[in-house]
N, C-alpha and C. Protein backbone atom coordinates (compact mmCIF):
# COMPACT_ATOMS: atom_id res chain seq x y z
N MET A 1 -103.82 7.22 -2.45
CA MET A 1 -103.75 7.92 -3.43
C MET A 1 -102.52 8.75 -3.77
N LEU A 2 -101.76 9.27 -3.01
CA LEU A 2 -100.11 9.44 -3.10
C LEU A 2 -99.51 8.52 -3.78
N PHE A 3 -99.50 6.90 -2.78
CA PHE A 3 -98.26 6.23 -3.36
C PHE A 3 -98.68 6.02 -4.91
N VAL A 4 -99.69 5.79 -5.56
CA VAL A 4 -100.28 5.81 -7.27
C VAL A 4 -99.79 6.96 -7.44
N ALA A 5 -100.25 7.92 -7.12
CA ALA A 5 -99.94 9.23 -7.73
C ALA A 5 -98.20 9.22 -8.22
N VAL A 6 -97.12 9.10 -7.24
CA VAL A 6 -96.16 9.34 -7.55
C VAL A 6 -95.29 7.96 -8.57
N GLN A 7 -95.82 6.73 -8.78
CA GLN A 7 -95.38 5.92 -10.14
C GLN A 7 -96.72 5.90 -10.86
N LEU A 8 -97.43 7.15 -11.33
CA LEU A 8 -98.75 6.99 -12.17
C LEU A 8 -97.84 7.22 -13.57
N LEU A 9 -96.59 8.09 -13.85
CA LEU A 9 -96.19 7.94 -14.80
C LEU A 9 -95.57 6.71 -15.73
N ASP A 10 -94.80 5.70 -14.46
CA ASP A 10 -94.69 4.74 -14.80
C ASP A 10 -95.79 3.73 -15.13
N VAL A 11 -96.94 3.75 -14.54
CA VAL A 11 -97.94 3.32 -14.52
C VAL A 11 -98.38 2.89 -16.26
N GLY A 12 -98.61 4.48 -16.57
CA GLY A 12 -98.69 4.88 -17.79
C GLY A 12 -97.88 4.14 -18.58
N TRP A 13 -96.80 4.16 -17.87
CA TRP A 13 -95.11 3.70 -19.29
C TRP A 13 -95.37 2.43 -19.39
N SER A 14 -95.70 0.88 -18.42
CA SER A 14 -95.92 -0.02 -18.56
C SER A 14 -97.31 -0.74 -19.71
N THR A 15 -98.29 0.10 -19.23
CA THR A 15 -99.31 0.07 -20.03
C THR A 15 -98.94 0.62 -21.35
N LEU A 16 -98.80 1.57 -21.54
CA LEU A 16 -98.23 1.85 -23.42
C LEU A 16 -97.50 1.43 -23.75
N VAL A 17 -96.53 0.60 -23.45
CA VAL A 17 -95.17 -0.33 -23.52
C VAL A 17 -95.77 -1.65 -24.09
N LEU A 18 -96.84 -2.15 -23.29
CA LEU A 18 -97.85 -3.22 -23.50
C LEU A 18 -98.82 -3.07 -24.34
N GLY A 19 -99.17 -1.97 -24.85
CA GLY A 19 -100.05 -2.16 -25.97
C GLY A 19 -99.08 -1.57 -27.08
N GLY A 20 -98.00 -1.55 -27.13
CA GLY A 20 -96.90 -0.99 -28.39
C GLY A 20 -96.86 0.16 -28.74
N VAL A 21 -97.45 1.03 -27.93
CA VAL A 21 -97.38 2.70 -28.42
C VAL A 21 -96.03 3.31 -27.83
N GLU A 22 -95.44 3.04 -26.39
CA GLU A 22 -94.08 3.48 -26.49
C GLU A 22 -92.88 2.46 -26.43
N LYS A 23 -92.08 2.39 -26.76
CA LYS A 23 -90.48 1.57 -26.98
C LYS A 23 -89.16 1.65 -26.08
N VAL A 24 -89.36 0.48 -25.82
CA VAL A 24 -87.83 0.26 -24.87
C VAL A 24 -87.51 -1.25 -25.37
N ARG A 25 -86.15 -1.00 -25.31
CA ARG A 25 -84.95 -2.31 -25.91
C ARG A 25 -84.63 -2.81 -24.62
N ILE A 26 -84.34 -4.16 -24.81
CA ILE A 26 -83.18 -4.43 -23.51
C ILE A 26 -81.92 -5.00 -24.17
N VAL A 27 -81.14 -3.85 -23.50
CA VAL A 27 -79.81 -3.62 -24.28
C VAL A 27 -78.44 -3.93 -22.85
N PRO A 28 -78.61 -5.23 -22.75
CA PRO A 28 -77.32 -5.70 -21.48
C PRO A 28 -76.36 -4.60 -21.03
N HIS A 29 -76.57 -3.93 -19.87
CA HIS A 29 -75.25 -2.97 -19.42
C HIS A 29 -75.53 -2.15 -20.39
N PHE A 30 -76.86 -1.62 -20.64
CA PHE A 30 -77.17 -0.62 -21.18
C PHE A 30 -76.84 1.25 -20.19
N THR A 31 -77.11 1.09 -19.16
CA THR A 31 -76.22 1.95 -17.98
C THR A 31 -75.87 0.64 -16.79
N ALA A 32 -75.18 1.17 -15.71
CA ALA A 32 -74.39 0.44 -14.87
C ALA A 32 -75.48 0.18 -14.26
N SER A 33 -76.86 0.72 -13.90
CA SER A 33 -77.96 0.26 -12.92
C SER A 33 -78.85 -0.76 -13.41
N ASN A 34 -79.16 -0.29 -15.17
CA ASN A 34 -79.98 -1.65 -15.67
C ASN A 34 -79.66 -1.62 -17.06
N SER A 35 -80.42 -2.52 -17.92
CA SER A 35 -80.74 -2.79 -18.96
C SER A 35 -81.67 -1.81 -20.14
N LEU A 36 -82.31 -1.13 -19.60
CA LEU A 36 -83.37 -0.89 -20.65
C LEU A 36 -82.84 0.66 -20.78
N ASP A 37 -83.23 0.48 -22.53
CA ASP A 37 -82.90 1.67 -23.65
C ASP A 37 -84.30 1.98 -23.50
N LEU A 38 -84.44 3.02 -23.05
CA LEU A 38 -85.95 3.66 -22.98
C LEU A 38 -86.01 4.93 -24.06
N TYR A 39 -86.29 4.42 -25.39
CA TYR A 39 -85.60 5.05 -26.67
C TYR A 39 -86.84 6.39 -27.14
N PHE A 40 -88.29 5.59 -26.47
CA PHE A 40 -89.34 6.28 -26.99
C PHE A 40 -90.40 6.16 -25.92
N MET A 41 -90.50 7.15 -25.69
CA MET A 41 -91.68 6.95 -24.23
C MET A 41 -92.35 9.05 -24.10
N PRO A 42 -92.59 9.38 -25.37
CA PRO A 42 -93.66 11.10 -25.29
C PRO A 42 -94.44 11.11 -24.40
N TYR A 43 -94.88 10.15 -24.54
CA TYR A 43 -96.55 10.36 -23.77
C TYR A 43 -96.53 10.48 -22.27
N THR A 44 -95.57 9.87 -21.59
CA THR A 44 -95.53 9.46 -20.37
C THR A 44 -94.37 9.90 -19.78
N HIS A 45 -93.15 10.12 -20.34
CA HIS A 45 -92.05 10.91 -19.61
C HIS A 45 -91.34 12.31 -20.49
N SER A 46 -92.31 12.92 -21.54
CA SER A 46 -91.78 14.04 -22.17
C SER A 46 -92.03 14.84 -20.68
N LEU A 47 -91.29 15.80 -20.57
CA LEU A 47 -91.88 16.89 -19.93
C LEU A 47 -93.05 17.44 -20.16
N LEU A 48 -93.56 17.66 -21.26
CA LEU A 48 -95.03 18.32 -21.64
C LEU A 48 -95.75 17.08 -20.97
N GLY A 49 -95.25 15.68 -21.68
CA GLY A 49 -96.05 14.47 -21.12
C GLY A 49 -96.29 14.85 -19.61
N ALA A 50 -95.63 14.36 -19.19
CA ALA A 50 -95.95 14.77 -17.38
C ALA A 50 -96.48 15.49 -16.67
N VAL A 51 -96.37 16.85 -17.68
CA VAL A 51 -97.41 18.16 -16.98
C VAL A 51 -98.96 17.59 -17.85
N ALA A 52 -99.09 17.19 -18.38
CA ALA A 52 -100.71 16.52 -18.90
C ALA A 52 -101.09 15.36 -17.76
N TRP A 53 -100.30 14.52 -17.51
CA TRP A 53 -100.65 13.59 -16.77
C TRP A 53 -100.64 14.48 -15.24
N SER A 54 -99.88 15.04 -14.90
CA SER A 54 -100.11 15.60 -13.03
C SER A 54 -101.54 16.39 -14.04
N VAL A 55 -102.02 17.15 -14.92
CA VAL A 55 -103.14 18.21 -14.84
C VAL A 55 -104.10 17.30 -15.14
N GLY A 56 -103.81 15.99 -15.65
CA GLY A 56 -104.74 15.46 -15.50
C GLY A 56 -105.53 14.75 -14.41
N ALA A 57 -104.43 13.92 -13.59
CA ALA A 57 -104.22 13.65 -11.95
C ALA A 57 -105.33 14.65 -11.01
N PHE A 58 -105.02 16.16 -11.21
CA PHE A 58 -105.27 17.11 -10.35
C PHE A 58 -106.71 17.25 -10.53
N LEU A 59 -106.95 17.21 -11.99
CA LEU A 59 -108.70 17.39 -12.78
C LEU A 59 -109.14 16.13 -12.12
N LEU A 60 -109.29 15.05 -12.45
CA LEU A 60 -109.79 13.77 -11.89
C LEU A 60 -109.79 13.45 -10.32
N TYR A 61 -109.04 13.65 -9.33
CA TYR A 61 -108.79 13.94 -8.23
C TYR A 61 -110.06 15.06 -7.69
N ARG A 62 -109.82 16.20 -7.94
CA ARG A 62 -110.62 17.26 -8.30
C ARG A 62 -112.37 16.83 -8.11
N VAL A 63 -112.28 15.92 -9.33
CA VAL A 63 -113.73 15.77 -9.47
C VAL A 63 -114.30 14.96 -8.82
N LEU A 64 -113.55 13.56 -8.80
CA LEU A 64 -113.72 12.05 -8.23
C LEU A 64 -113.93 11.86 -6.94
N ALA A 65 -112.96 12.60 -6.20
CA ALA A 65 -112.94 12.50 -4.72
C ALA A 65 -113.96 13.23 -3.84
N ARG A 66 -114.41 12.71 -2.75
CA ARG A 66 -115.26 13.38 -1.82
C ARG A 66 -114.94 14.29 -1.18
N LYS A 67 -115.46 15.19 -1.15
CA LYS A 67 -114.62 16.40 -0.23
C LYS A 67 -113.18 16.92 -0.98
N ALA A 68 -112.88 17.09 -2.40
CA ALA A 68 -111.42 17.17 -2.04
C ALA A 68 -111.77 18.82 -2.53
N THR A 69 -110.60 18.94 -1.51
CA THR A 69 -110.03 20.62 -2.04
C THR A 69 -109.27 20.98 -3.16
N SER A 70 -109.18 21.94 -3.39
CA SER A 70 -108.00 22.27 -4.31
C SER A 70 -107.12 22.28 -4.29
N VAL A 71 -106.93 22.45 -2.77
CA VAL A 71 -105.04 22.02 -2.46
C VAL A 71 -105.21 20.65 -2.49
N ALA A 72 -105.69 19.55 -1.76
CA ALA A 72 -105.48 18.20 -1.79
C ALA A 72 -104.95 18.19 -3.33
N ALA A 73 -106.06 18.50 -4.16
CA ALA A 73 -106.09 18.15 -5.32
C ALA A 73 -104.18 18.37 -6.52
N LEU A 74 -104.29 19.67 -5.59
CA LEU A 74 -102.93 20.12 -6.42
C LEU A 74 -101.45 19.31 -5.81
N VAL A 75 -101.87 19.14 -4.43
CA VAL A 75 -101.07 17.89 -3.57
C VAL A 75 -100.56 16.85 -4.76
N VAL A 76 -102.17 16.13 -5.30
CA VAL A 76 -101.85 14.94 -6.23
C VAL A 76 -101.42 14.93 -7.20
N GLY A 77 -101.72 16.35 -7.81
CA GLY A 77 -101.04 16.60 -9.15
C GLY A 77 -99.94 16.66 -8.96
N ALA A 78 -98.78 17.55 -7.84
CA ALA A 78 -97.07 18.00 -7.56
C ALA A 78 -96.94 16.10 -7.62
N ALA A 79 -97.60 15.42 -6.81
CA ALA A 79 -96.95 13.98 -6.42
C ALA A 79 -96.67 13.39 -8.09
N VAL A 80 -97.54 13.80 -8.92
CA VAL A 80 -97.40 12.77 -10.09
C VAL A 80 -96.23 13.77 -11.00
N PHE A 81 -96.10 14.85 -11.00
CA PHE A 81 -94.76 15.62 -11.44
C PHE A 81 -93.51 15.39 -11.30
N SER A 82 -93.80 15.15 -9.66
CA SER A 82 -92.67 14.64 -8.90
C SER A 82 -91.78 13.44 -9.48
N HIS A 83 -92.71 12.68 -10.02
CA HIS A 83 -91.95 11.70 -10.82
C HIS A 83 -90.91 11.82 -11.61
N TRP A 84 -91.53 13.06 -12.87
CA TRP A 84 -90.42 13.13 -13.46
C TRP A 84 -89.39 13.75 -13.16
N VAL A 85 -89.55 14.99 -12.27
CA VAL A 85 -87.97 15.58 -11.45
C VAL A 85 -86.97 14.96 -11.04
N LEU A 86 -87.82 13.89 -10.26
CA LEU A 86 -86.31 12.42 -9.65
C LEU A 86 -86.09 11.84 -10.74
N ASP A 87 -87.10 11.68 -11.71
CA ASP A 87 -86.40 10.61 -12.89
C ASP A 87 -85.40 11.59 -13.87
N LEU A 88 -85.46 12.77 -13.75
CA LEU A 88 -84.33 13.58 -14.63
C LEU A 88 -83.07 13.48 -13.54
N LEU A 89 -82.90 13.41 -12.65
CA LEU A 89 -81.73 13.18 -11.93
C LEU A 89 -81.34 11.43 -12.42
N VAL A 90 -81.90 10.58 -12.62
CA VAL A 90 -81.29 9.24 -12.94
C VAL A 90 -81.10 8.73 -13.96
N HIS A 91 -82.28 9.07 -14.98
CA HIS A 91 -82.08 8.52 -16.37
C HIS A 91 -80.85 9.14 -17.23
N ARG A 92 -80.53 8.59 -18.16
CA ARG A 92 -79.79 9.19 -18.95
C ARG A 92 -80.42 10.02 -19.85
N PRO A 93 -79.51 11.05 -20.91
CA PRO A 93 -80.67 11.64 -21.79
C PRO A 93 -81.59 11.26 -22.50
N ASP A 94 -83.03 10.80 -22.19
CA ASP A 94 -84.02 10.24 -22.50
C ASP A 94 -85.15 10.82 -22.18
N LEU A 95 -85.17 11.47 -21.81
CA LEU A 95 -86.67 12.22 -21.22
C LEU A 95 -86.76 13.59 -22.25
N SER A 96 -87.37 13.27 -23.03
CA SER A 96 -88.11 14.43 -24.02
C SER A 96 -88.48 15.66 -23.20
N LEU A 97 -88.00 16.80 -23.45
CA LEU A 97 -89.04 18.05 -23.39
C LEU A 97 -90.72 18.02 -23.97
N TYR A 98 -91.01 17.65 -25.07
CA TYR A 98 -91.69 17.59 -25.94
C TYR A 98 -91.60 16.33 -26.95
N ASP A 99 -92.88 15.84 -27.14
CA ASP A 99 -93.17 15.06 -28.39
C ASP A 99 -91.81 14.19 -28.18
N ASP A 100 -90.53 13.82 -29.43
CA ASP A 100 -89.57 12.94 -29.09
C ASP A 100 -88.10 13.75 -29.13
N THR A 101 -88.36 14.73 -28.83
CA THR A 101 -87.12 16.00 -29.00
C THR A 101 -86.61 16.37 -27.73
N ALA A 102 -85.52 17.24 -27.79
CA ALA A 102 -84.43 17.81 -26.78
C ALA A 102 -84.31 17.21 -25.52
N LYS A 103 -83.90 16.34 -25.83
CA LYS A 103 -84.11 15.13 -24.28
C LYS A 103 -82.69 15.23 -23.76
N VAL A 104 -83.60 15.48 -22.17
CA VAL A 104 -82.51 15.50 -21.05
C VAL A 104 -82.33 14.30 -19.67
N GLY A 105 -81.47 14.30 -19.16
CA GLY A 105 -81.20 13.45 -18.00
C GLY A 105 -80.08 13.51 -17.65
N PHE A 106 -79.90 13.28 -16.38
CA PHE A 106 -78.40 13.40 -16.10
C PHE A 106 -77.47 12.21 -15.57
N GLY A 107 -78.20 11.08 -15.74
CA GLY A 107 -77.57 10.26 -16.09
C GLY A 107 -77.00 9.49 -14.68
N LEU A 108 -77.64 9.62 -13.54
CA LEU A 108 -77.12 8.94 -12.05
C LEU A 108 -76.68 7.34 -12.62
N TRP A 109 -77.99 7.05 -13.39
CA TRP A 109 -77.97 5.34 -13.38
C TRP A 109 -76.54 4.64 -13.75
N ASN A 110 -75.54 5.49 -14.28
CA ASN A 110 -74.45 4.67 -14.38
C ASN A 110 -73.53 5.19 -13.58
N TYR A 111 -73.97 5.30 -12.16
CA TYR A 111 -73.32 5.98 -10.80
C TYR A 111 -73.81 5.45 -10.34
N PRO A 112 -73.84 3.86 -9.78
CA PRO A 112 -74.96 3.24 -9.16
C PRO A 112 -74.40 3.61 -8.09
N ALA A 113 -73.33 3.90 -7.40
CA ALA A 113 -72.47 3.92 -5.80
C ALA A 113 -72.79 5.33 -5.54
N ILE A 114 -73.68 6.20 -6.39
CA ILE A 114 -74.27 7.65 -5.52
C ILE A 114 -75.84 6.94 -6.00
N GLU A 115 -76.22 6.57 -6.94
CA GLU A 115 -77.80 6.22 -7.23
C GLU A 115 -78.84 5.45 -6.12
N LEU A 116 -77.99 4.27 -5.91
CA LEU A 116 -78.65 3.27 -5.37
C LEU A 116 -78.68 4.26 -3.87
N PRO A 117 -77.87 4.50 -3.19
CA PRO A 117 -77.80 4.91 -1.81
C PRO A 117 -78.86 6.37 -1.99
N LEU A 118 -78.68 6.69 -2.99
CA LEU A 118 -79.81 8.19 -2.94
C LEU A 118 -81.19 7.84 -3.12
N GLU A 119 -81.39 6.74 -3.47
CA GLU A 119 -82.46 6.40 -3.37
C GLU A 119 -83.29 5.93 -2.47
N LEU A 120 -82.15 5.06 -2.08
CA LEU A 120 -82.68 4.16 -0.67
C LEU A 120 -82.87 5.53 0.63
N LEU A 121 -81.96 6.35 0.62
CA LEU A 121 -81.71 8.31 1.60
C LEU A 121 -82.90 8.59 1.15
N LEU A 122 -83.78 8.84 -0.10
CA LEU A 122 -85.39 9.46 -0.34
C LEU A 122 -86.17 8.48 0.23
N LEU A 123 -85.92 7.06 -0.26
CA LEU A 123 -87.09 6.58 1.17
C LEU A 123 -86.94 6.16 2.28
N CYS A 124 -85.68 6.52 3.01
CA CYS A 124 -85.90 6.15 4.52
C CYS A 124 -86.47 7.97 4.72
N ALA A 125 -85.69 8.70 4.21
CA ALA A 125 -86.53 10.02 4.52
C ALA A 125 -87.98 10.66 4.53
N GLY A 126 -88.78 9.88 2.99
CA GLY A 126 -90.49 9.61 3.22
C GLY A 126 -90.45 9.06 4.46
N LEU A 127 -90.17 8.25 5.06
CA LEU A 127 -90.76 7.02 5.97
C LEU A 127 -90.87 7.63 7.38
N GLY A 128 -89.26 8.67 7.34
CA GLY A 128 -89.13 9.75 8.66
C GLY A 128 -90.17 10.74 8.64
N LEU A 129 -90.46 11.11 7.93
CA LEU A 129 -91.36 12.18 7.59
C LEU A 129 -92.62 11.65 7.88
N TYR A 130 -93.15 10.47 7.10
CA TYR A 130 -94.39 9.62 8.01
C TYR A 130 -94.42 9.48 8.85
N LEU A 131 -93.17 9.12 9.38
CA LEU A 131 -93.71 8.48 11.28
C LEU A 131 -93.57 9.92 12.25
N ARG A 132 -92.74 10.81 11.88
CA ARG A 132 -92.78 12.12 12.65
C ARG A 132 -94.28 12.86 12.23
N SER A 133 -94.78 12.76 11.12
CA SER A 133 -96.28 13.15 11.51
C SER A 133 -97.41 12.52 12.24
N GLY A 134 -96.99 11.52 12.95
CA GLY A 134 -97.73 10.94 13.97
C GLY A 134 -98.71 9.99 13.32
N GLY A 135 -98.43 9.39 12.33
CA GLY A 135 -99.41 8.46 11.35
C GLY A 135 -99.58 7.30 12.24
N THR A 136 -100.51 6.71 12.04
CA THR A 136 -100.31 5.04 12.77
C THR A 136 -100.00 3.63 12.11
N ARG A 137 -99.95 2.68 12.13
CA ARG A 137 -99.60 1.93 11.68
C ARG A 137 -98.44 1.71 11.65
N ARG A 138 -97.50 2.09 12.23
CA ARG A 138 -95.80 2.51 12.44
C ARG A 138 -94.84 1.24 11.92
N LEU A 139 -95.47 0.26 12.61
CA LEU A 139 -94.80 -1.41 12.31
C LEU A 139 -94.65 -1.65 11.08
N GLY A 140 -96.10 -1.99 10.65
CA GLY A 140 -96.47 -1.60 9.27
C GLY A 140 -95.83 -1.26 8.32
N MET A 141 -95.97 0.35 8.04
CA MET A 141 -94.89 0.69 7.56
C MET A 141 -93.43 1.20 7.53
N ILE A 142 -92.76 0.60 8.76
CA ILE A 142 -91.37 0.14 8.56
C ILE A 142 -91.30 -1.22 7.94
N VAL A 143 -92.16 -2.22 8.17
CA VAL A 143 -91.93 -3.33 7.42
C VAL A 143 -92.20 -2.91 5.72
N PHE A 144 -93.29 -2.09 5.58
CA PHE A 144 -93.35 -2.09 3.89
C PHE A 144 -92.35 -1.15 3.35
N ALA A 145 -91.46 -0.37 3.70
CA ALA A 145 -90.37 0.77 3.44
C ALA A 145 -89.07 -0.35 3.42
N VAL A 146 -88.69 -1.09 4.26
CA VAL A 146 -88.02 -2.28 4.08
C VAL A 146 -88.15 -3.65 2.72
N LEU A 147 -89.25 -3.78 2.34
CA LEU A 147 -90.04 -4.34 1.34
C LEU A 147 -89.62 -3.44 0.02
N MET A 148 -89.96 -2.40 0.12
CA MET A 148 -90.00 -1.61 -1.07
C MET A 148 -88.00 -1.26 -1.26
N ALA A 149 -87.28 -1.27 -0.24
CA ALA A 149 -85.63 -1.12 -0.68
C ALA A 149 -85.68 -2.27 -0.83
N ALA A 150 -85.79 -3.40 -0.56
CA ALA A 150 -85.66 -4.89 -0.90
C ALA A 150 -85.83 -4.90 -2.75
N VAL A 151 -87.02 -4.40 -3.21
CA VAL A 151 -87.43 -4.55 -4.17
C VAL A 151 -86.08 -3.68 -4.80
N GLN A 152 -85.79 -2.46 -4.57
CA GLN A 152 -85.35 -1.55 -5.29
C GLN A 152 -83.79 -2.48 -5.69
N VAL A 153 -83.22 -3.24 -4.31
CA VAL A 153 -81.93 -3.71 -4.44
C VAL A 153 -82.08 -5.11 -5.59
N ILE A 154 -83.24 -5.73 -5.21
CA ILE A 154 -83.40 -6.94 -6.30
C ILE A 154 -83.47 -6.48 -7.52
N ASN A 155 -83.94 -5.54 -7.87
CA ASN A 155 -83.95 -4.97 -9.21
C ASN A 155 -82.92 -4.82 -9.55
N PHE A 156 -82.21 -3.91 -8.90
CA PHE A 156 -80.50 -3.67 -9.53
C PHE A 156 -80.19 -4.80 -9.69
N LEU A 157 -79.61 -6.16 -8.98
CA LEU A 157 -79.30 -7.34 -9.06
C LEU A 157 -79.62 -8.21 -10.11
N ALA A 158 -80.89 -8.16 -10.24
CA ALA A 158 -81.43 -9.10 -11.19
C ALA A 158 -80.69 -8.90 -12.70
N PRO A 159 -80.86 -10.22 -13.20
CA PRO A 159 -80.37 -10.11 -14.60
C PRO A 159 -81.45 -9.55 -15.67
N PRO A 160 -80.91 -8.99 -16.70
CA PRO A 160 -81.82 -8.17 -17.56
C PRO A 160 -83.14 -8.91 -17.61
N PRO A 161 -84.39 -8.12 -17.74
CA PRO A 161 -85.73 -8.78 -18.15
C PRO A 161 -85.55 -9.29 -19.78
N ARG A 162 -85.94 -10.70 -19.92
CA ARG A 162 -86.01 -11.33 -21.51
C ARG A 162 -86.33 -10.16 -22.40
N SER A 163 -87.85 -9.80 -22.23
CA SER A 163 -87.86 -8.82 -23.60
C SER A 163 -88.58 -7.87 -23.02
N ASP A 164 -89.10 -6.99 -23.78
CA ASP A 164 -89.75 -5.52 -23.30
C ASP A 164 -91.23 -5.43 -22.49
N ARG A 165 -91.71 -6.61 -23.34
CA ARG A 165 -93.05 -6.66 -22.62
C ARG A 165 -92.51 -7.34 -21.36
N ALA A 166 -91.74 -8.41 -21.17
CA ALA A 166 -91.66 -8.99 -19.38
C ALA A 166 -90.91 -7.56 -18.76
N ALA A 167 -90.13 -6.78 -19.35
CA ALA A 167 -89.96 -5.83 -18.42
C ALA A 167 -91.22 -4.55 -18.27
N ALA A 168 -92.31 -4.84 -18.94
CA ALA A 168 -93.33 -3.59 -18.63
C ALA A 168 -94.49 -4.74 -18.07
N THR A 169 -94.68 -5.74 -17.93
CA THR A 169 -95.19 -6.63 -16.77
C THR A 169 -94.85 -6.54 -15.84
N ALA A 170 -93.26 -6.76 -15.40
CA ALA A 170 -93.08 -6.97 -13.94
C ALA A 170 -93.43 -5.67 -13.60
N ALA A 171 -92.74 -4.45 -14.04
CA ALA A 171 -92.97 -3.04 -13.79
C ALA A 171 -94.36 -3.03 -12.83
N LEU A 172 -95.23 -3.42 -14.22
CA LEU A 172 -97.03 -3.18 -13.60
C LEU A 172 -97.20 -4.14 -12.26
N VAL A 173 -96.78 -5.21 -12.61
CA VAL A 173 -97.24 -6.24 -11.17
C VAL A 173 -96.75 -5.64 -10.02
N ALA A 174 -95.59 -4.97 -10.36
CA ALA A 174 -94.88 -4.52 -8.84
C ALA A 174 -95.41 -3.41 -8.18
N TYR A 175 -96.05 -2.16 -9.42
CA TYR A 175 -97.18 -1.12 -9.15
C TYR A 175 -98.10 -1.45 -8.42
N VAL A 176 -98.58 -3.04 -8.71
CA VAL A 176 -99.99 -3.13 -8.58
C VAL A 176 -100.13 -3.42 -6.85
N VAL A 177 -98.87 -4.51 -6.90
CA VAL A 177 -99.10 -4.75 -5.66
C VAL A 177 -98.64 -4.33 -4.60
N LEU A 178 -97.83 -3.36 -4.59
CA LEU A 178 -97.52 -2.66 -3.60
C LEU A 178 -98.31 -1.62 -3.09
N ALA A 179 -99.09 -0.95 -4.50
CA ALA A 179 -100.40 -0.23 -4.26
C ALA A 179 -101.52 -0.65 -3.14
N ALA A 180 -101.28 -1.99 -4.07
CA ALA A 180 -102.33 -2.89 -2.68
C ALA A 180 -102.41 -2.91 -1.32
N ILE A 181 -100.58 -3.24 -0.95
CA ILE A 181 -99.83 -3.10 0.11
C ILE A 181 -100.48 -1.89 0.74
N ALA A 182 -100.18 -0.86 0.14
CA ALA A 182 -100.43 0.56 0.73
C ALA A 182 -101.93 0.63 0.88
N GLY A 183 -102.68 0.25 -0.01
CA GLY A 183 -104.14 0.86 0.67
C GLY A 183 -104.58 -0.26 1.77
N VAL A 184 -104.23 -1.33 1.97
CA VAL A 184 -104.52 -2.08 2.86
C VAL A 184 -104.05 -1.69 4.33
N LEU A 185 -102.61 -1.18 4.58
CA LEU A 185 -102.06 -0.37 5.54
C LEU A 185 -102.88 0.82 5.96
N GLU A 186 -103.35 1.71 4.96
CA GLU A 186 -104.21 2.52 4.71
C GLU A 186 -105.77 2.51 5.32
N ARG A 187 -106.43 1.52 4.95
CA ARG A 187 -107.85 0.76 5.69
C ARG A 187 -107.16 0.18 6.88
N VAL A 188 -106.22 -0.22 7.02
CA VAL A 188 -106.34 -0.83 8.84
C VAL A 188 -106.34 0.76 9.70
N ALA A 189 -105.29 1.63 9.40
CA ALA A 189 -105.29 2.81 9.87
C ALA A 189 -106.84 3.69 10.18
N ARG A 190 -107.34 3.46 9.07
CA ARG A 190 -108.64 4.45 9.23
C ARG A 190 -109.61 3.66 10.30
N ARG A 191 -109.27 2.67 10.61
CA ARG A 191 -110.32 1.46 11.19
C ARG A 191 -109.65 1.20 12.54
N ALA A 192 -108.45 1.76 12.97
CA ALA A 192 -107.97 1.28 14.39
C ALA A 192 -107.88 3.03 15.17
N PRO A 193 -108.17 2.59 16.52
CA PRO A 193 -108.37 4.08 17.11
C PRO A 193 -106.92 4.67 16.97
N ARG A 194 -107.25 5.64 17.07
CA ARG A 194 -105.32 6.90 16.71
C ARG A 194 -104.36 6.29 18.36
N ALA A 195 -105.17 6.30 19.27
CA ALA A 195 -104.16 5.84 20.89
C ALA A 195 -103.92 4.61 20.61
N ALA A 196 -104.41 3.99 20.09
CA ALA A 196 -103.47 2.13 19.90
C ALA A 196 -102.32 2.29 19.00
N VAL A 197 -101.07 1.65 19.37
CA VAL A 197 -100.20 1.05 18.98
C VAL A 197 -100.40 0.42 17.62
N GLN A 198 -100.67 0.83 16.80
CA GLN A 198 -100.77 0.54 14.93
C GLN A 198 -99.26 -0.65 14.48
N TRP A 199 -99.84 -1.39 13.82
CA TRP A 199 -98.88 -2.19 13.02
C TRP A 199 -98.71 -1.53 11.77
């Protein structure tokens, strides 16, 4: 649930780009890290849009999840909103505060020597927190984290996508595949005895 929540804004973005609602241009070397000119995405990546998605996730989880507490639903909503906060660090000023105006972004994508290590450090920190929590499937999660790091590096080194639709499709496929792997690891952990060493 949390793995999907932190990527929900990008899942929505990919879907809306494929539907022609939000817009992106492929401009080689638009930033030092990627070629995406994200010039119109008010429904998923504006501050107001991110708040709306977060509130929606909170309400949906509260209503649909069995035995969901308000605190658990709040964690899900906060996870959704955390995506916008972290995007604020890396995006150039293309994150609008509302509608398609008052755009902000600190632009770390233009400083890959800072941005890429920072993203990998955050991934390692998340893995460290998970391992310290006593979670099972330790080896599986370590391999999964290495896979996500590899995807990040490959995305950085890869040539620009052929089109806006190709970029959105590749992103959506990556989110679905990685979420499916996370789901498999979660199911394995629930079935396995806590005392056993898990993969």
